[in-house]
N, C-alpha and C. Protein backbone atom coordinates (compact mmCIF):
# COMPACT_ATOMS: atom_id res chain seq x y z
N UNK A 1 20.13 40.24 -0.56
CA UNK A 1 20.46 38.83 -0.55
C UNK A 1 21.04 38.47 -1.92
N UNK A 2 22.19 37.82 -1.94
CA UNK A 2 22.80 37.42 -3.22
C UNK A 2 21.94 36.36 -3.93
N UNK A 3 22.12 36.26 -5.24
CA UNK A 3 21.32 35.34 -6.04
C UNK A 3 21.58 33.89 -5.66
N UNK A 4 22.81 33.56 -5.28
CA UNK A 4 23.12 32.17 -4.94
C UNK A 4 22.46 31.75 -3.63
N UNK A 5 22.24 32.69 -2.71
CA UNK A 5 21.55 32.36 -1.46
C UNK A 5 20.09 31.99 -1.75
N UNK A 6 19.46 32.73 -2.64
CA UNK A 6 18.09 32.41 -3.03
C UNK A 6 18.00 31.06 -3.72
N UNK A 7 19.00 30.76 -4.52
CA UNK A 7 19.05 29.47 -5.22
C UNK A 7 19.19 28.32 -4.21
N UNK A 8 20.07 28.48 -3.25
CA UNK A 8 20.27 27.44 -2.23
C UNK A 8 19.00 27.26 -1.40
N UNK A 9 18.36 28.35 -1.02
CA UNK A 9 17.12 28.25 -0.25
C UNK A 9 16.03 27.55 -1.07
N UNK A 10 15.93 27.88 -2.35
CA UNK A 10 14.94 27.25 -3.22
C UNK A 10 15.17 25.75 -3.37
N UNK A 11 16.41 25.37 -3.60
CA UNK A 11 16.73 23.94 -3.74
C UNK A 11 16.46 23.21 -2.43
N UNK A 12 16.85 23.83 -1.31
CA UNK A 12 16.59 23.21 -0.01
C UNK A 12 15.11 23.03 0.25
N UNK A 13 14.31 24.03 -0.11
CA UNK A 13 12.86 23.94 0.08
C UNK A 13 12.27 22.83 -0.79
N UNK A 14 12.75 22.68 -2.01
CA UNK A 14 12.25 21.61 -2.88
C UNK A 14 12.59 20.23 -2.31
N UNK A 15 13.81 20.07 -1.83
CA UNK A 15 14.22 18.78 -1.27
C UNK A 15 13.40 18.47 -0.02
N UNK A 16 13.27 19.46 0.87
CA UNK A 16 12.51 19.26 2.10
C UNK A 16 11.04 18.94 1.79
N UNK A 17 10.46 19.63 0.84
CA UNK A 17 9.07 19.37 0.45
C UNK A 17 8.91 17.98 -0.12
N UNK A 18 9.86 17.55 -0.93
CA UNK A 18 9.79 16.20 -1.51
C UNK A 18 9.88 15.12 -0.45
N UNK A 19 10.80 15.28 0.49
CA UNK A 19 10.97 14.29 1.56
C UNK A 19 9.72 14.26 2.45
N UNK A 20 9.24 15.42 2.86
CA UNK A 20 8.03 15.46 3.71
C UNK A 20 6.82 14.90 2.98
N UNK A 21 6.67 15.21 1.71
CA UNK A 21 5.57 14.67 0.92
C UNK A 21 5.62 13.16 0.82
N UNK A 22 6.81 12.61 0.64
CA UNK A 22 6.98 11.17 0.55
C UNK A 22 6.60 10.50 1.87
N UNK A 23 7.09 11.05 2.98
CA UNK A 23 6.82 10.46 4.29
C UNK A 23 5.33 10.52 4.62
N UNK A 24 4.70 11.65 4.39
CA UNK A 24 3.28 11.79 4.69
C UNK A 24 2.44 10.86 3.82
N UNK A 25 2.77 10.77 2.53
CA UNK A 25 2.03 9.88 1.63
C UNK A 25 2.20 8.42 2.04
N UNK A 26 3.40 8.04 2.43
CA UNK A 26 3.66 6.66 2.85
C UNK A 26 2.82 6.31 4.08
N UNK A 27 2.76 7.21 5.06
CA UNK A 27 1.97 6.97 6.27
C UNK A 27 0.48 6.83 5.93
N UNK A 28 -0.02 7.68 5.05
CA UNK A 28 -1.44 7.64 4.68
C UNK A 28 -1.77 6.32 3.97
N UNK A 29 -0.92 5.90 3.06
CA UNK A 29 -1.17 4.64 2.32
C UNK A 29 -1.12 3.46 3.27
N UNK A 30 -0.15 3.43 4.19
CA UNK A 30 -0.08 2.32 5.15
C UNK A 30 -1.33 2.27 6.02
N UNK A 31 -1.83 3.42 6.44
CA UNK A 31 -3.04 3.47 7.26
C UNK A 31 -4.24 2.96 6.46
N UNK A 32 -4.33 3.36 5.20
CA UNK A 32 -5.44 2.90 4.35
C UNK A 32 -5.40 1.38 4.19
N UNK A 33 -4.22 0.82 3.97
CA UNK A 33 -4.11 -0.63 3.80
C UNK A 33 -4.42 -1.37 5.09
N UNK A 34 -4.04 -0.79 6.22
CA UNK A 34 -4.34 -1.40 7.51
C UNK A 34 -5.84 -1.37 7.79
N UNK A 35 -6.50 -0.27 7.48
CA UNK A 35 -7.93 -0.14 7.73
C UNK A 35 -8.78 -0.90 6.71
N UNK A 36 -8.33 -0.97 5.47
CA UNK A 36 -9.09 -1.62 4.39
C UNK A 36 -8.17 -2.61 3.67
N UNK A 37 -8.00 -3.81 4.23
CA UNK A 37 -7.12 -4.78 3.58
C UNK A 37 -7.65 -5.14 2.19
N UNK A 38 -6.75 -5.45 1.26
CA UNK A 38 -7.16 -5.71 -0.11
C UNK A 38 -8.14 -6.89 -0.24
N UNK A 39 -7.90 -7.99 0.46
CA UNK A 39 -8.80 -9.14 0.39
C UNK A 39 -8.62 -9.98 1.65
N UNK A 40 -9.69 -10.60 2.11
CA UNK A 40 -9.64 -11.41 3.32
C UNK A 40 -10.00 -12.85 2.99
N UNK A 41 -9.76 -13.72 3.97
CA UNK A 41 -10.10 -15.14 3.78
C UNK A 41 -11.60 -15.31 3.60
N UNK A 42 -12.37 -14.50 4.27
CA UNK A 42 -13.83 -14.56 4.15
C UNK A 42 -14.26 -14.26 2.70
N UNK A 43 -13.61 -13.29 2.09
CA UNK A 43 -13.94 -12.94 0.70
C UNK A 43 -13.53 -14.06 -0.25
N UNK A 44 -12.42 -14.73 0.03
CA UNK A 44 -11.98 -15.85 -0.81
C UNK A 44 -12.98 -17.00 -0.70
N UNK A 45 -13.46 -17.26 0.52
CA UNK A 45 -14.47 -18.32 0.70
C UNK A 45 -15.73 -17.99 -0.11
N UNK A 46 -16.16 -16.74 -0.05
CA UNK A 46 -17.36 -16.34 -0.79
C UNK A 46 -17.14 -16.51 -2.30
N UNK A 47 -15.94 -16.19 -2.76
CA UNK A 47 -15.64 -16.33 -4.19
C UNK A 47 -15.72 -17.80 -4.62
N UNK A 48 -15.15 -18.71 -3.80
CA UNK A 48 -15.22 -20.13 -4.12
C UNK A 48 -16.66 -20.63 -4.11
N UNK A 49 -17.44 -20.16 -3.13
CA UNK A 49 -18.84 -20.59 -3.05
C UNK A 49 -19.64 -20.11 -4.26
N UNK A 50 -19.34 -18.91 -4.77
CA UNK A 50 -20.03 -18.41 -5.95
C UNK A 50 -19.67 -19.23 -7.19
N UNK A 51 -18.46 -19.81 -7.18
CA UNK A 51 -18.06 -20.65 -8.31
C UNK A 51 -18.63 -22.06 -8.18
N UNK A 52 -19.32 -22.33 -7.06
CA UNK A 52 -19.94 -23.64 -6.89
C UNK A 52 -19.03 -24.66 -6.24
N UNK A 53 -17.98 -24.21 -5.59
CA UNK A 53 -17.05 -25.13 -4.92
C UNK A 53 -17.05 -24.86 -3.43
N UNK A 54 -16.88 -25.92 -2.66
CA UNK A 54 -16.68 -25.74 -1.22
C UNK A 54 -15.17 -25.68 -1.00
N UNK A 55 -14.67 -24.54 -0.57
CA UNK A 55 -13.22 -24.40 -0.44
C UNK A 55 -12.67 -25.13 0.77
N UNK A 56 -11.52 -25.76 0.57
CA UNK A 56 -10.83 -26.35 1.71
C UNK A 56 -9.90 -25.29 2.30
N UNK A 57 -9.43 -25.57 3.50
CA UNK A 57 -8.52 -24.62 4.16
C UNK A 57 -7.23 -24.49 3.35
N UNK A 58 -6.80 -25.55 2.71
CA UNK A 58 -5.58 -25.51 1.90
C UNK A 58 -5.76 -24.59 0.70
N UNK A 59 -6.94 -24.63 0.08
CA UNK A 59 -7.22 -23.74 -1.06
C UNK A 59 -7.12 -22.28 -0.64
N UNK A 60 -7.72 -21.98 0.50
CA UNK A 60 -7.73 -20.59 0.98
C UNK A 60 -6.32 -20.13 1.31
N UNK A 61 -5.55 -20.97 2.00
CA UNK A 61 -4.17 -20.60 2.36
C UNK A 61 -3.32 -20.42 1.11
N UNK A 62 -3.56 -21.27 0.10
CA UNK A 62 -2.81 -21.17 -1.15
C UNK A 62 -3.07 -19.84 -1.84
N UNK A 63 -4.34 -19.43 -1.89
CA UNK A 63 -4.70 -18.16 -2.52
C UNK A 63 -4.10 -16.99 -1.72
N UNK A 64 -4.20 -17.03 -0.39
CA UNK A 64 -3.65 -15.95 0.44
C UNK A 64 -2.13 -15.83 0.26
N UNK A 65 -1.43 -16.98 0.23
CA UNK A 65 0.03 -16.94 0.03
C UNK A 65 0.40 -16.40 -1.34
N UNK A 66 -0.35 -16.78 -2.35
CA UNK A 66 -0.04 -16.28 -3.69
C UNK A 66 -0.28 -14.77 -3.78
N UNK A 67 -1.27 -14.27 -3.06
CA UNK A 67 -1.52 -12.83 -3.06
C UNK A 67 -0.42 -12.07 -2.31
N UNK A 68 0.07 -12.67 -1.23
CA UNK A 68 1.16 -12.04 -0.47
C UNK A 68 2.44 -12.01 -1.30
N UNK A 69 2.70 -13.06 -2.08
CA UNK A 69 3.89 -13.10 -2.93
C UNK A 69 3.81 -12.11 -4.07
N UNK A 70 2.59 -11.83 -4.52
CA UNK A 70 2.40 -10.91 -5.66
C UNK A 70 2.67 -9.48 -5.27
N UNK A 71 2.66 -9.15 -4.00
CA UNK A 71 2.93 -7.77 -3.57
C UNK A 71 4.34 -7.50 -3.78
């Protein structure tokens, strides 16, 4: 086998490995976020209650929207 054929096979294997690694990692991270969301409305309510405030629905929606924008 000529040296350039080995080089082409090596480069192809690196590219294929990188693409497959990216796709697999992306799927795993999406599944983790779906199964374990970063924060919920229930957690925001508990946070407000610990601070001694009774949260209104507007407060909770405001916090949720700001968290979605921060992503």
